[in-house]
Structures are given as structure tokens and as C-alpha cells.
Amino acid sequence: MLVAPSILSADFGHLSDDVKAICEGGCDLVHVDVMDGHFVPNLTIGPVVVEAVAKAATKPLDIHLMVENNSFFVDLFAPLKPGYISFHIEEEKHPHRLIQKIRALGIKPAIVLNPHTPPEAVEFLLEDVDMVLLMSVNPGFGGQKFIPSVIEKAKRLKALIEKRNPDCLIEVDGGVNDENVKALAYAGVDVVVAGSFVYKHPKGISTAIAALK
């Protein structure tokens, strides 16, 4: 299991230190939640802050756009050369065009599904993306409770991926911990995003990451 801790749960007063801590603690990606206050009812960080995150990180950035006007935000963050940029299928009118744009910028494109969106919604995009992110909470805020139905959803998505693009990864974000991660692994999930579990673990960040792995 690859682990992508979400900096949404970090201490923004010591953000550089908290980014370094997850990288030194064994994470595989640094998950960055970008929210615009329109697509979701929360406002987080822009390119100036993410540039500071990129400087502190020794692992690739995994930028998750929860925004309107995706193409505009791709242009904002592309110069930071993240490993992945993901966008929500629910918001994008021309997803294939945006996927091509992200890849042309030298970044791996990924697509996100909200809890209510069936995996079949992205079936004909699977050959063009490197990862599909399944939200296991309603997007917008950290610390929410895991929605169990995402496990069955991951299994359905895995079957589509095996048929269309076996190299495509499945990522799950929201309420992930050491109690549900095993079920996610058996469902075919490759990457888990965890914020509160990692940053607020009583035994420390490296122990939390190791528990998920």
C-alpha cells in the first residue's frame, strides 16, 4: 500500500516541518487538497503555499483539485511539477481534453469521483489516466467518518481497470485508518490518503504510516 498523507491535517504554522516529517516518516506521496470555496464549502491553499510545500517535500506532490474552472488551476500548479494532478469528474465538462492537457505538461493525470458517483462514469477515460481517486467522505473537510460503500465501489472500479488499463492506480481519500485499510487493499486499492490518522497518531507520524503500509 502506498501512503499519501494529506497536509490538510498538518499544523500550517509549522507546515515545512510537517511536510518534512511525513517524507522522513516513509510516505510515498504528499497529498495537497486545493479547495476554492465554490466546488466545496471550504477554502484552502494556493500556489504560493504549495510552492513552499514542494520545496520542503522530498516525495512527489499529489495535488487534488476541488475547484471550479479546473483548467485555470492546472495552469497555476503545473510549474511546480507535481507527480499527479487530479480533478473531479462532476465538475469537468471536457475531461478528456483536460487529461490531455495535464499529460502534455509532464504530469500524471488523475480523476476523482465523489461518494455518489459510480465508477462506470469514468470507464471510457481509464485508458488515459494514471490514477482514479475515490472519495470515501464528502469532499471539503478533514476528519470525517469513512463511508463503507467505497469498498464495493473500489471492487467495481478494479474490474473496469483490469479490462481497460491495468496500470491505472486506485486511490482512496477520507477517513482511512489502520482498521479499514486492509479491506481497501483486498478491494484493489493501491494508494490511501490519510490526514488525521497520520498527523494525530498518538505514537507519531512514522508509526501511523507504517501501520497503513
N, C-alpha and C. Protein backbone atom coordinates (compact mmCIF):
# COMPACT_ATOMS: atom_id res chain seq x y z
N MET A 1 0.84 -1.20 0.00
CA MET A 1 0.00 0.00 0.00
C MET A 1 0.87 1.25 0.00
N LEU A 2 0.60 2.15 -0.95
CA LEU A 2 1.27 3.44 -0.96
C LEU A 2 0.48 4.40 -0.08
N VAL A 3 1.19 5.29 0.61
CA VAL A 3 0.55 6.20 1.56
C VAL A 3 0.82 7.64 1.16
N ALA A 4 -0.26 8.42 1.07
CA ALA A 4 -0.17 9.83 0.69
C ALA A 4 -0.81 10.68 1.78
N PRO A 5 -0.06 11.03 2.82
CA PRO A 5 -0.63 11.83 3.90
C PRO A 5 -1.13 13.18 3.38
N SER A 6 -2.28 13.61 3.89
CA SER A 6 -2.87 14.88 3.49
C SER A 6 -2.38 15.99 4.40
N ILE A 7 -1.79 17.03 3.80
CA ILE A 7 -1.30 18.14 4.61
C ILE A 7 -2.43 19.00 5.14
N LEU A 8 -3.67 18.70 4.75
CA LEU A 8 -4.81 19.43 5.29
C LEU A 8 -4.88 19.30 6.81
N SER A 9 -4.33 18.21 7.33
CA SER A 9 -4.34 17.97 8.78
C SER A 9 -3.04 18.41 9.45
N ALA A 10 -2.13 19.00 8.68
CA ALA A 10 -0.87 19.47 9.25
C ALA A 10 -1.08 20.76 10.05
N ASP A 11 -0.05 21.15 10.80
CA ASP A 11 -0.04 22.42 11.50
C ASP A 11 0.51 23.46 10.53
N PHE A 12 -0.36 24.32 10.00
CA PHE A 12 0.06 25.28 8.98
C PHE A 12 1.01 26.34 9.53
N GLY A 13 1.10 26.44 10.85
CA GLY A 13 2.10 27.32 11.45
C GLY A 13 3.50 26.74 11.37
N HIS A 14 3.58 25.43 11.16
CA HIS A 14 4.86 24.73 11.03
C HIS A 14 4.80 23.80 9.83
N LEU A 15 4.28 24.33 8.72
CA LEU A 15 3.97 23.47 7.57
C LEU A 15 5.21 22.81 6.98
N SER A 16 6.29 23.55 6.85
CA SER A 16 7.51 22.99 6.29
C SER A 16 7.99 21.80 7.11
N ASP A 17 7.98 21.95 8.43
CA ASP A 17 8.41 20.86 9.32
C ASP A 17 7.48 19.66 9.20
N ASP A 18 6.18 19.92 9.08
CA ASP A 18 5.22 18.82 8.99
C ASP A 18 5.31 18.08 7.66
N VAL A 19 5.66 18.80 6.60
CA VAL A 19 5.87 18.14 5.30
C VAL A 19 7.13 17.28 5.36
N LYS A 20 8.19 17.82 5.92
CA LYS A 20 9.43 17.05 6.05
C LYS A 20 9.21 15.81 6.92
N ALA A 21 8.36 15.92 7.93
CA ALA A 21 8.12 14.81 8.85
C ALA A 21 7.46 13.63 8.15
N ILE A 22 6.50 13.88 7.25
CA ILE A 22 5.85 12.76 6.57
C ILE A 22 6.79 12.14 5.54
N CYS A 23 7.64 12.97 4.92
CA CYS A 23 8.60 12.43 3.94
C CYS A 23 9.64 11.55 4.64
N GLU A 24 10.13 12.04 5.76
CA GLU A 24 11.10 11.25 6.54
C GLU A 24 10.43 10.06 7.20
N GLY A 25 9.11 10.15 7.42
CA GLY A 25 8.38 9.07 8.08
C GLY A 25 7.98 7.93 7.15
N GLY A 26 8.31 8.05 5.85
CA GLY A 26 8.09 6.93 4.94
C GLY A 26 6.92 7.06 3.99
N CYS A 27 6.39 8.26 3.80
CA CYS A 27 5.27 8.40 2.87
C CYS A 27 5.75 8.22 1.43
N ASP A 28 4.82 8.01 0.53
CA ASP A 28 5.14 7.82 -0.89
C ASP A 28 4.78 9.05 -1.72
N LEU A 29 3.74 9.76 -1.30
CA LEU A 29 3.29 10.99 -1.96
C LEU A 29 2.88 11.99 -0.88
N VAL A 30 2.89 13.26 -1.24
CA VAL A 30 2.39 14.31 -0.34
C VAL A 30 1.10 14.82 -0.94
N HIS A 31 -0.03 14.54 -0.28
CA HIS A 31 -1.35 14.88 -0.81
C HIS A 31 -1.71 16.31 -0.44
N VAL A 32 -2.03 17.10 -1.47
CA VAL A 32 -2.31 18.52 -1.30
C VAL A 32 -3.75 18.79 -1.76
N ASP A 33 -4.61 19.18 -0.83
CA ASP A 33 -6.02 19.46 -1.14
C ASP A 33 -6.20 20.94 -1.46
N VAL A 34 -6.57 21.21 -2.70
CA VAL A 34 -6.80 22.59 -3.14
C VAL A 34 -8.30 22.80 -3.28
N MET A 35 -8.86 23.68 -2.46
CA MET A 35 -10.30 23.94 -2.45
C MET A 35 -10.55 25.43 -2.69
N ASP A 36 -11.58 25.73 -3.49
CA ASP A 36 -11.80 27.11 -3.93
C ASP A 36 -12.97 27.81 -3.25
N GLY A 37 -13.66 27.13 -2.34
CA GLY A 37 -14.81 27.74 -1.69
C GLY A 37 -16.07 27.77 -2.54
N HIS A 38 -16.01 27.20 -3.73
CA HIS A 38 -17.16 27.15 -4.64
C HIS A 38 -17.58 25.70 -4.90
N PHE A 39 -16.67 24.90 -5.42
CA PHE A 39 -16.99 23.48 -5.64
C PHE A 39 -17.23 22.76 -4.31
N VAL A 40 -16.47 23.15 -3.32
CA VAL A 40 -16.68 22.64 -1.95
C VAL A 40 -16.75 23.84 -1.00
N PRO A 41 -17.43 23.69 0.15
CA PRO A 41 -17.61 24.83 1.06
C PRO A 41 -16.41 25.06 1.96
N ASN A 42 -15.24 25.13 1.38
CA ASN A 42 -14.03 25.38 2.15
C ASN A 42 -13.01 26.02 1.23
N LEU A 43 -12.09 26.76 1.80
CA LEU A 43 -11.04 27.44 1.04
C LEU A 43 -9.72 27.08 1.68
N THR A 44 -8.80 26.53 0.87
CA THR A 44 -7.54 26.08 1.49
C THR A 44 -6.35 26.88 0.98
N ILE A 45 -5.57 26.33 0.07
CA ILE A 45 -4.28 26.95 -0.25
C ILE A 45 -4.10 27.16 -1.74
N GLY A 46 -3.26 28.14 -2.08
CA GLY A 46 -2.95 28.46 -3.45
C GLY A 46 -1.52 28.12 -3.80
N PRO A 47 -1.07 28.55 -4.98
CA PRO A 47 0.25 28.14 -5.47
C PRO A 47 1.42 28.66 -4.65
N VAL A 48 1.28 29.78 -3.97
CA VAL A 48 2.40 30.30 -3.17
C VAL A 48 2.71 29.35 -2.01
N VAL A 49 1.65 28.90 -1.33
CA VAL A 49 1.85 27.96 -0.22
C VAL A 49 2.31 26.60 -0.74
N VAL A 50 1.71 26.14 -1.84
CA VAL A 50 2.09 24.83 -2.38
C VAL A 50 3.54 24.84 -2.89
N GLU A 51 4.00 25.99 -3.35
CA GLU A 51 5.41 26.11 -3.75
C GLU A 51 6.32 25.86 -2.54
N ALA A 52 5.94 26.39 -1.39
CA ALA A 52 6.70 26.15 -0.16
C ALA A 52 6.65 24.68 0.23
N VAL A 53 5.49 24.04 0.03
CA VAL A 53 5.37 22.60 0.30
C VAL A 53 6.30 21.82 -0.61
N ALA A 54 6.33 22.19 -1.88
CA ALA A 54 7.18 21.50 -2.86
C ALA A 54 8.66 21.60 -2.49
N LYS A 55 9.06 22.74 -1.97
CA LYS A 55 10.46 22.93 -1.57
C LYS A 55 10.82 22.06 -0.36
N ALA A 56 9.85 21.87 0.54
CA ALA A 56 10.11 21.08 1.74
C ALA A 56 10.01 19.58 1.48
N ALA A 57 9.24 19.19 0.46
CA ALA A 57 8.96 17.77 0.22
C ALA A 57 10.10 17.09 -0.53
N THR A 58 10.36 15.85 -0.15
CA THR A 58 11.31 15.01 -0.89
C THR A 58 10.57 13.89 -1.62
N LYS A 59 9.25 13.91 -1.57
CA LYS A 59 8.41 12.96 -2.29
C LYS A 59 7.50 13.75 -3.24
N PRO A 60 7.00 13.11 -4.30
CA PRO A 60 6.17 13.83 -5.28
C PRO A 60 4.88 14.36 -4.67
N LEU A 61 4.44 15.50 -5.18
CA LEU A 61 3.17 16.06 -4.74
C LEU A 61 2.02 15.40 -5.49
N ASP A 62 0.93 15.18 -4.77
CA ASP A 62 -0.30 14.60 -5.30
C ASP A 62 -1.37 15.67 -5.10
N ILE A 63 -1.57 16.53 -6.11
CA ILE A 63 -2.46 17.68 -5.97
C ILE A 63 -3.88 17.31 -6.36
N HIS A 64 -4.78 17.48 -5.42
CA HIS A 64 -6.20 17.13 -5.59
C HIS A 64 -7.00 18.42 -5.70
N LEU A 65 -7.49 18.71 -6.90
CA LEU A 65 -8.25 19.92 -7.14
C LEU A 65 -9.72 19.69 -6.80
N MET A 66 -10.24 20.48 -5.88
CA MET A 66 -11.67 20.51 -5.56
C MET A 66 -12.16 21.91 -5.88
N VAL A 67 -12.28 22.19 -7.18
CA VAL A 67 -12.45 23.56 -7.65
C VAL A 67 -13.39 23.61 -8.85
N GLU A 68 -13.87 24.80 -9.13
CA GLU A 68 -14.46 25.11 -10.42
C GLU A 68 -13.35 25.65 -11.32
N ASN A 69 -13.56 25.57 -12.64
CA ASN A 69 -12.55 26.05 -13.60
C ASN A 69 -11.23 25.31 -13.43
N ASN A 70 -11.28 24.00 -13.61
CA ASN A 70 -10.11 23.15 -13.41
C ASN A 70 -8.91 23.57 -14.23
N SER A 71 -9.13 23.90 -15.50
CA SER A 71 -8.02 24.22 -16.39
C SER A 71 -7.20 25.40 -15.87
N PHE A 72 -7.88 26.40 -15.31
CA PHE A 72 -7.20 27.55 -14.72
C PHE A 72 -6.27 27.12 -13.59
N PHE A 73 -6.75 26.22 -12.72
CA PHE A 73 -5.95 25.77 -11.59
C PHE A 73 -4.81 24.84 -12.02
N VAL A 74 -5.03 24.07 -13.07
CA VAL A 74 -3.93 23.27 -13.61
C VAL A 74 -2.78 24.19 -14.04
N ASP A 75 -3.11 25.28 -14.70
CA ASP A 75 -2.08 26.24 -15.13
C ASP A 75 -1.35 26.84 -13.93
N LEU A 76 -2.06 27.06 -12.83
CA LEU A 76 -1.44 27.63 -11.64
C LEU A 76 -0.41 26.69 -11.01
N PHE A 77 -0.74 25.39 -10.97
CA PHE A 77 0.09 24.45 -10.23
C PHE A 77 1.09 23.66 -11.09
N ALA A 78 0.88 23.65 -12.39
CA ALA A 78 1.77 22.90 -13.28
C ALA A 78 3.24 23.30 -13.15
N PRO A 79 3.58 24.59 -12.97
CA PRO A 79 5.00 24.94 -12.86
C PRO A 79 5.72 24.28 -11.67
N LEU A 80 4.96 23.81 -10.68
CA LEU A 80 5.57 23.14 -9.51
C LEU A 80 5.93 21.69 -9.80
N LYS A 81 5.54 21.20 -10.99
CA LYS A 81 5.85 19.83 -11.43
C LYS A 81 5.45 18.77 -10.40
N PRO A 82 4.19 18.74 -9.99
CA PRO A 82 3.74 17.68 -9.08
C PRO A 82 3.76 16.33 -9.78
N GLY A 83 3.72 15.26 -8.99
CA GLY A 83 3.64 13.93 -9.58
C GLY A 83 2.30 13.70 -10.24
N TYR A 84 1.23 14.11 -9.55
CA TYR A 84 -0.14 13.92 -10.04
C TYR A 84 -0.93 15.21 -9.87
N ILE A 85 -1.86 15.45 -10.79
CA ILE A 85 -2.94 16.42 -10.58
C ILE A 85 -4.24 15.69 -10.86
N SER A 86 -5.14 15.72 -9.87
CA SER A 86 -6.44 15.06 -10.02
C SER A 86 -7.55 16.10 -9.98
N PHE A 87 -8.60 15.84 -10.74
CA PHE A 87 -9.75 16.74 -10.79
C PHE A 87 -11.04 15.93 -10.72
N HIS A 88 -12.12 16.58 -10.32
CA HIS A 88 -13.40 15.90 -10.13
C HIS A 88 -14.17 15.77 -11.44
N ILE A 89 -14.62 14.55 -11.72
CA ILE A 89 -15.42 14.30 -12.93
C ILE A 89 -16.73 15.08 -12.88
N GLU A 90 -17.25 15.33 -11.66
CA GLU A 90 -18.54 16.01 -11.53
C GLU A 90 -18.49 17.47 -12.00
N GLU A 91 -17.30 18.03 -12.02
CA GLU A 91 -17.16 19.46 -12.32
C GLU A 91 -16.67 19.73 -13.75
N GLU A 92 -16.11 18.72 -14.41
CA GLU A 92 -15.44 18.95 -15.69
C GLU A 92 -16.31 18.56 -16.88
N LYS A 93 -16.58 19.53 -17.76
CA LYS A 93 -17.39 19.28 -18.95
C LYS A 93 -16.61 18.54 -20.03
N HIS A 94 -15.29 18.75 -20.07
CA HIS A 94 -14.46 18.14 -21.12
C HIS A 94 -13.27 17.42 -20.48
N PRO A 95 -13.55 16.33 -19.76
CA PRO A 95 -12.48 15.67 -19.01
C PRO A 95 -11.33 15.14 -19.87
N HIS A 96 -11.65 14.60 -21.04
CA HIS A 96 -10.59 14.04 -21.87
C HIS A 96 -9.62 15.13 -22.31
N ARG A 97 -10.15 16.29 -22.64
CA ARG A 97 -9.30 17.41 -23.05
C ARG A 97 -8.39 17.85 -21.91
N LEU A 98 -8.94 17.89 -20.69
CA LEU A 98 -8.13 18.29 -19.54
C LEU A 98 -7.07 17.25 -19.21
N ILE A 99 -7.42 15.98 -19.34
CA ILE A 99 -6.45 14.91 -19.13
C ILE A 99 -5.27 15.07 -20.10
N GLN A 100 -5.56 15.34 -21.35
CA GLN A 100 -4.50 15.53 -22.34
C GLN A 100 -3.63 16.73 -22.00
N LYS A 101 -4.25 17.79 -21.51
CA LYS A 101 -3.50 18.99 -21.12
C LYS A 101 -2.54 18.68 -19.99
N ILE A 102 -3.03 17.98 -18.96
CA ILE A 102 -2.18 17.66 -17.80
C ILE A 102 -1.00 16.80 -18.24
N ARG A 103 -1.25 15.80 -19.06
CA ARG A 103 -0.17 14.92 -19.51
C ARG A 103 0.85 15.68 -20.37
N ALA A 104 0.36 16.58 -21.22
CA ALA A 104 1.26 17.37 -22.06
C ALA A 104 2.19 18.26 -21.23
N LEU A 105 1.77 18.56 -20.00
CA LEU A 105 2.59 19.36 -19.09
C LEU A 105 3.60 18.51 -18.33
N GLY A 106 3.64 17.22 -18.62
CA GLY A 106 4.59 16.32 -17.97
C GLY A 106 4.16 15.84 -16.60
N ILE A 107 2.85 15.88 -16.34
CA ILE A 107 2.29 15.50 -15.05
C ILE A 107 1.32 14.34 -15.27
N LYS A 108 1.26 13.42 -14.32
CA LYS A 108 0.35 12.28 -14.43
C LYS A 108 -1.08 12.74 -14.12
N PRO A 109 -2.02 12.54 -15.03
CA PRO A 109 -3.40 12.95 -14.78
C PRO A 109 -4.16 11.90 -13.97
N ALA A 110 -5.00 12.40 -13.08
CA ALA A 110 -5.86 11.52 -12.28
C ALA A 110 -7.25 12.14 -12.21
N ILE A 111 -8.23 11.31 -11.96
CA ILE A 111 -9.62 11.78 -11.94
C ILE A 111 -10.28 11.33 -10.65
N VAL A 112 -11.17 12.17 -10.12
CA VAL A 112 -11.76 11.95 -8.80
C VAL A 112 -13.25 11.72 -8.91
N LEU A 113 -13.76 10.80 -8.08
CA LEU A 113 -15.20 10.52 -8.01
C LEU A 113 -15.69 10.81 -6.60
N ASN A 114 -16.72 11.64 -6.49
CA ASN A 114 -17.39 11.86 -5.21
C ASN A 114 -18.10 10.57 -4.76
N PRO A 115 -18.49 10.48 -3.48
CA PRO A 115 -19.09 9.24 -2.98
C PRO A 115 -20.29 8.73 -3.78
N HIS A 116 -21.09 9.64 -4.36
CA HIS A 116 -22.31 9.22 -5.05
C HIS A 116 -22.06 8.83 -6.51
N THR A 117 -20.88 9.12 -7.04
CA THR A 117 -20.63 8.92 -8.47
C THR A 117 -20.17 7.49 -8.75
N PRO A 118 -20.87 6.76 -9.63
CA PRO A 118 -20.50 5.37 -9.90
C PRO A 118 -19.19 5.26 -10.68
N PRO A 119 -18.45 4.17 -10.49
CA PRO A 119 -17.17 4.02 -11.21
C PRO A 119 -17.34 3.98 -12.71
N GLU A 120 -18.51 3.54 -13.18
CA GLU A 120 -18.75 3.48 -14.62
C GLU A 120 -18.69 4.86 -15.28
N ALA A 121 -18.80 5.93 -14.49
CA ALA A 121 -18.74 7.29 -15.03
C ALA A 121 -17.40 7.60 -15.68
N VAL A 122 -16.35 6.86 -15.29
CA VAL A 122 -15.02 7.12 -15.84
C VAL A 122 -14.50 5.96 -16.69
N GLU A 123 -15.37 5.00 -17.00
CA GLU A 123 -14.90 3.80 -17.72
C GLU A 123 -14.15 4.16 -18.99
N PHE A 124 -14.66 5.11 -19.75
CA PHE A 124 -14.06 5.42 -21.04
C PHE A 124 -12.97 6.48 -20.96
N LEU A 125 -12.54 6.77 -19.73
CA LEU A 125 -11.38 7.62 -19.50
C LEU A 125 -10.20 6.85 -18.92
N LEU A 126 -10.44 5.62 -18.53
CA LEU A 126 -9.43 4.85 -17.80
C LEU A 126 -8.14 4.64 -18.59
N GLU A 127 -8.26 4.51 -19.89
CA GLU A 127 -7.07 4.29 -20.70
C GLU A 127 -6.18 5.52 -20.77
N ASP A 128 -6.70 6.67 -20.34
CA ASP A 128 -5.97 7.93 -20.48
C ASP A 128 -5.45 8.49 -19.17
N VAL A 129 -5.79 7.87 -18.04
CA VAL A 129 -5.35 8.39 -16.75
C VAL A 129 -4.42 7.41 -16.05
N ASP A 130 -3.65 7.94 -15.10
CA ASP A 130 -2.73 7.10 -14.32
C ASP A 130 -3.31 6.68 -12.98
N MET A 131 -4.38 7.37 -12.56
CA MET A 131 -4.95 7.05 -11.25
C MET A 131 -6.39 7.54 -11.19
N VAL A 132 -7.22 6.81 -10.43
CA VAL A 132 -8.58 7.25 -10.10
C VAL A 132 -8.67 7.36 -8.59
N LEU A 133 -9.12 8.51 -8.12
CA LEU A 133 -9.27 8.76 -6.69
C LEU A 133 -10.74 8.64 -6.31
N LEU A 134 -11.03 7.74 -5.38
CA LEU A 134 -12.38 7.58 -4.85
C LEU A 134 -12.48 8.29 -3.51
N MET A 135 -13.42 9.23 -3.42
CA MET A 135 -13.66 9.91 -2.15
C MET A 135 -14.46 8.99 -1.23
N SER A 136 -13.95 8.78 -0.03
CA SER A 136 -14.66 7.96 0.95
C SER A 136 -15.25 8.83 2.05
N VAL A 137 -15.28 10.14 1.81
CA VAL A 137 -16.04 11.12 2.59
C VAL A 137 -16.54 12.15 1.57
N ASN A 138 -17.46 12.99 1.99
CA ASN A 138 -17.86 14.11 1.14
C ASN A 138 -16.76 15.16 1.17
N PRO A 139 -16.28 15.59 0.01
CA PRO A 139 -15.09 16.45 -0.02
C PRO A 139 -15.33 17.82 0.61
N GLY A 140 -14.26 18.37 1.17
CA GLY A 140 -14.34 19.71 1.72
C GLY A 140 -13.69 19.89 3.08
N PHE A 141 -13.70 18.85 3.90
CA PHE A 141 -13.17 18.97 5.25
C PHE A 141 -12.47 17.68 5.68
N GLY A 142 -11.43 17.83 6.49
CA GLY A 142 -10.74 16.67 7.04
C GLY A 142 -11.45 16.13 8.26
N GLY A 143 -11.04 14.93 8.68
CA GLY A 143 -11.54 14.37 9.92
C GLY A 143 -12.92 13.75 9.86
N GLN A 144 -13.44 13.50 8.65
CA GLN A 144 -14.78 12.92 8.53
C GLN A 144 -14.75 11.39 8.64
N LYS A 145 -15.93 10.82 8.86
CA LYS A 145 -16.06 9.38 9.02
C LYS A 145 -16.08 8.67 7.67
N PHE A 146 -15.38 7.59 7.57
CA PHE A 146 -15.26 6.76 6.37
C PHE A 146 -16.61 6.22 5.93
N ILE A 147 -16.90 6.32 4.62
CA ILE A 147 -18.14 5.78 4.05
C ILE A 147 -17.87 4.36 3.55
N PRO A 148 -18.41 3.32 4.21
CA PRO A 148 -18.04 1.94 3.90
C PRO A 148 -18.34 1.49 2.47
N SER A 149 -19.33 2.09 1.82
CA SER A 149 -19.72 1.64 0.47
C SER A 149 -18.60 1.83 -0.55
N VAL A 150 -17.57 2.62 -0.19
CA VAL A 150 -16.46 2.82 -1.14
C VAL A 150 -15.70 1.51 -1.38
N ILE A 151 -15.80 0.56 -0.46
CA ILE A 151 -15.11 -0.71 -0.64
C ILE A 151 -15.69 -1.48 -1.82
N GLU A 152 -17.02 -1.57 -1.87
CA GLU A 152 -17.67 -2.21 -3.01
C GLU A 152 -17.43 -1.42 -4.29
N LYS A 153 -17.41 -0.13 -4.18
CA LYS A 153 -17.14 0.73 -5.33
C LYS A 153 -15.73 0.50 -5.88
N ALA A 154 -14.76 0.34 -4.99
CA ALA A 154 -13.39 0.07 -5.41
C ALA A 154 -13.29 -1.26 -6.15
N LYS A 155 -14.04 -2.25 -5.70
CA LYS A 155 -14.03 -3.55 -6.38
C LYS A 155 -14.57 -3.43 -7.80
N ARG A 156 -15.65 -2.66 -7.97
CA ARG A 156 -16.22 -2.45 -9.30
C ARG A 156 -15.26 -1.68 -10.20
N LEU A 157 -14.61 -0.69 -9.62
CA LEU A 157 -13.63 0.08 -10.38
C LEU A 157 -12.45 -0.79 -10.78
N LYS A 158 -12.00 -1.64 -9.87
CA LYS A 158 -10.86 -2.52 -10.16
C LYS A 158 -11.18 -3.42 -11.34
N ALA A 159 -12.39 -3.93 -11.42
CA ALA A 159 -12.78 -4.79 -12.54
C ALA A 159 -12.73 -4.03 -13.86
N LEU A 160 -13.15 -2.78 -13.85
CA LEU A 160 -13.08 -1.95 -15.05
C LEU A 160 -11.63 -1.67 -15.44
N ILE A 161 -10.80 -1.40 -14.43
CA ILE A 161 -9.39 -1.11 -14.69
C ILE A 161 -8.68 -2.31 -15.28
N GLU A 162 -8.97 -3.49 -14.75
CA GLU A 162 -8.34 -4.71 -15.28
C GLU A 162 -8.66 -4.89 -16.75
N LYS A 163 -9.83 -4.45 -17.16
CA LYS A 163 -10.25 -4.59 -18.55
C LYS A 163 -9.69 -3.48 -19.43
N ARG A 164 -9.61 -2.27 -18.90
CA ARG A 164 -9.29 -1.09 -19.71
C ARG A 164 -7.82 -0.65 -19.62
N ASN A 165 -7.27 -0.68 -18.40
CA ASN A 165 -5.91 -0.15 -18.19
C ASN A 165 -5.35 -0.67 -16.88
N PRO A 166 -4.76 -1.86 -16.89
CA PRO A 166 -4.29 -2.49 -15.65
C PRO A 166 -3.24 -1.67 -14.89
N ASP A 167 -2.60 -0.71 -15.56
CA ASP A 167 -1.57 0.10 -14.90
C ASP A 167 -2.15 1.25 -14.10
N CYS A 168 -3.44 1.51 -14.25
CA CYS A 168 -4.08 2.62 -13.54
C CYS A 168 -4.22 2.30 -12.05
N LEU A 169 -3.82 3.23 -11.21
CA LEU A 169 -3.90 3.03 -9.76
C LEU A 169 -5.26 3.47 -9.22
N ILE A 170 -5.65 2.90 -8.09
CA ILE A 170 -6.83 3.34 -7.36
C ILE A 170 -6.36 3.97 -6.05
N GLU A 171 -6.84 5.17 -5.80
CA GLU A 171 -6.54 5.90 -4.56
C GLU A 171 -7.84 6.14 -3.81
N VAL A 172 -7.80 6.08 -2.49
CA VAL A 172 -8.98 6.36 -1.67
C VAL A 172 -8.62 7.43 -0.64
N ASP A 173 -9.54 8.39 -0.47
CA ASP A 173 -9.28 9.55 0.38
C ASP A 173 -10.47 9.80 1.29
N GLY A 174 -10.21 9.77 2.60
CA GLY A 174 -11.24 10.16 3.56
C GLY A 174 -11.50 9.13 4.64
N GLY A 175 -11.15 9.44 5.87
CA GLY A 175 -11.45 8.55 6.98
C GLY A 175 -10.67 7.25 7.00
N VAL A 176 -9.55 7.21 6.27
CA VAL A 176 -8.76 5.97 6.21
C VAL A 176 -7.94 5.82 7.49
N ASN A 177 -7.93 4.59 8.02
CA ASN A 177 -7.13 4.30 9.21
C ASN A 177 -6.65 2.85 9.17
N ASP A 178 -6.00 2.41 10.25
CA ASP A 178 -5.45 1.06 10.27
C ASP A 178 -6.53 -0.02 10.42
N GLU A 179 -7.77 0.38 10.67
CA GLU A 179 -8.86 -0.59 10.79
C GLU A 179 -9.52 -0.91 9.45
N ASN A 180 -9.59 0.08 8.55
CA ASN A 180 -10.25 -0.17 7.26
C ASN A 180 -9.29 -0.34 6.09
N VAL A 181 -8.00 -0.11 6.32
CA VAL A 181 -7.05 -0.16 5.21
C VAL A 181 -6.91 -1.56 4.62
N LYS A 182 -7.06 -2.58 5.45
CA LYS A 182 -6.92 -3.95 4.94
C LYS A 182 -8.05 -4.28 3.97
N ALA A 183 -9.27 -3.89 4.30
CA ALA A 183 -10.40 -4.12 3.40
C ALA A 183 -10.21 -3.37 2.09
N LEU A 184 -9.63 -2.17 2.16
CA LEU A 184 -9.35 -1.40 0.94
C LEU A 184 -8.31 -2.12 0.09
N ALA A 185 -7.30 -2.67 0.73
CA ALA A 185 -6.27 -3.40 -0.01
C ALA A 185 -6.86 -4.61 -0.72
N TYR A 186 -7.71 -5.35 -0.04
CA TYR A 186 -8.35 -6.53 -0.65
C TYR A 186 -9.29 -6.12 -1.78
N ALA A 187 -9.81 -4.90 -1.74
CA ALA A 187 -10.69 -4.41 -2.79
C ALA A 187 -9.93 -3.94 -4.03
N GLY A 188 -8.59 -3.87 -3.92
CA GLY A 188 -7.79 -3.48 -5.06
C GLY A 188 -7.22 -2.08 -5.01
N VAL A 189 -7.32 -1.42 -3.86
CA VAL A 189 -6.82 -0.06 -3.71
C VAL A 189 -5.29 -0.08 -3.61
N ASP A 190 -4.65 0.86 -4.29
CA ASP A 190 -3.19 0.94 -4.34
C ASP A 190 -2.61 2.04 -3.46
N VAL A 191 -3.36 3.12 -3.28
CA VAL A 191 -2.87 4.31 -2.57
C VAL A 191 -3.95 4.78 -1.60
N VAL A 192 -3.56 5.09 -0.37
CA VAL A 192 -4.52 5.67 0.58
C VAL A 192 -4.05 7.05 1.02
N VAL A 193 -5.01 7.95 1.10
CA VAL A 193 -4.78 9.29 1.64
C VAL A 193 -5.25 9.28 3.09
N ALA A 194 -4.44 9.79 3.98
CA ALA A 194 -4.81 9.85 5.39
C ALA A 194 -4.25 11.14 5.97
N GLY A 195 -5.10 11.90 6.63
CA GLY A 195 -4.66 13.15 7.24
C GLY A 195 -4.63 13.05 8.75
N SER A 196 -5.81 13.01 9.34
CA SER A 196 -5.90 12.97 10.80
C SER A 196 -5.20 11.76 11.38
N PHE A 197 -5.36 10.59 10.73
CA PHE A 197 -4.76 9.37 11.27
C PHE A 197 -3.24 9.49 11.34
N VAL A 198 -2.65 10.14 10.34
CA VAL A 198 -1.18 10.27 10.30
C VAL A 198 -0.70 11.36 11.26
N TYR A 199 -1.28 12.54 11.14
CA TYR A 199 -0.74 13.67 11.91
C TYR A 199 -1.14 13.66 13.38
N LYS A 200 -2.20 12.94 13.72
CA LYS A 200 -2.66 12.95 15.12
C LYS A 200 -2.49 11.59 15.80
N HIS A 201 -1.70 10.73 15.17
CA HIS A 201 -1.48 9.40 15.76
C HIS A 201 -0.71 9.53 17.07
N PRO A 202 -1.15 8.86 18.13
CA PRO A 202 -0.51 9.03 19.44
C PRO A 202 0.95 8.57 19.48
N LYS A 203 1.32 7.68 18.55
CA LYS A 203 2.70 7.17 18.54
C LYS A 203 3.55 7.82 17.46
N GLY A 204 3.01 8.82 16.80
CA GLY A 204 3.82 9.57 15.86
C GLY A 204 3.56 9.23 14.40
N ILE A 205 4.06 10.08 13.54
CA ILE A 205 3.81 10.00 12.11
C ILE A 205 4.35 8.73 11.48
N SER A 206 5.59 8.38 11.77
CA SER A 206 6.19 7.21 11.13
C SER A 206 5.46 5.93 11.53
N THR A 207 4.98 5.85 12.77
CA THR A 207 4.21 4.68 13.21
C THR A 207 2.89 4.59 12.47
N ALA A 208 2.24 5.73 12.26
CA ALA A 208 0.96 5.76 11.54
C ALA A 208 1.15 5.31 10.10
N ILE A 209 2.16 5.82 9.43
CA ILE A 209 2.42 5.45 8.03
C ILE A 209 2.74 3.95 7.93
N ALA A 210 3.56 3.47 8.87
CA ALA A 210 3.89 2.04 8.87
C ALA A 210 2.66 1.17 9.09
N ALA A 211 1.75 1.63 9.93
CA ALA A 211 0.52 0.87 10.19
C ALA A 211 -0.32 0.75 8.92
N LEU A 212 -0.39 1.82 8.13
CA LEU A 212 -1.16 1.79 6.89
C LEU A 212 -0.49 0.88 5.85
N LYS A 213 0.82 0.93 5.79
CA LYS A 213 1.56 0.09 4.84
C LYS A 213 1.42 -1.38 5.19
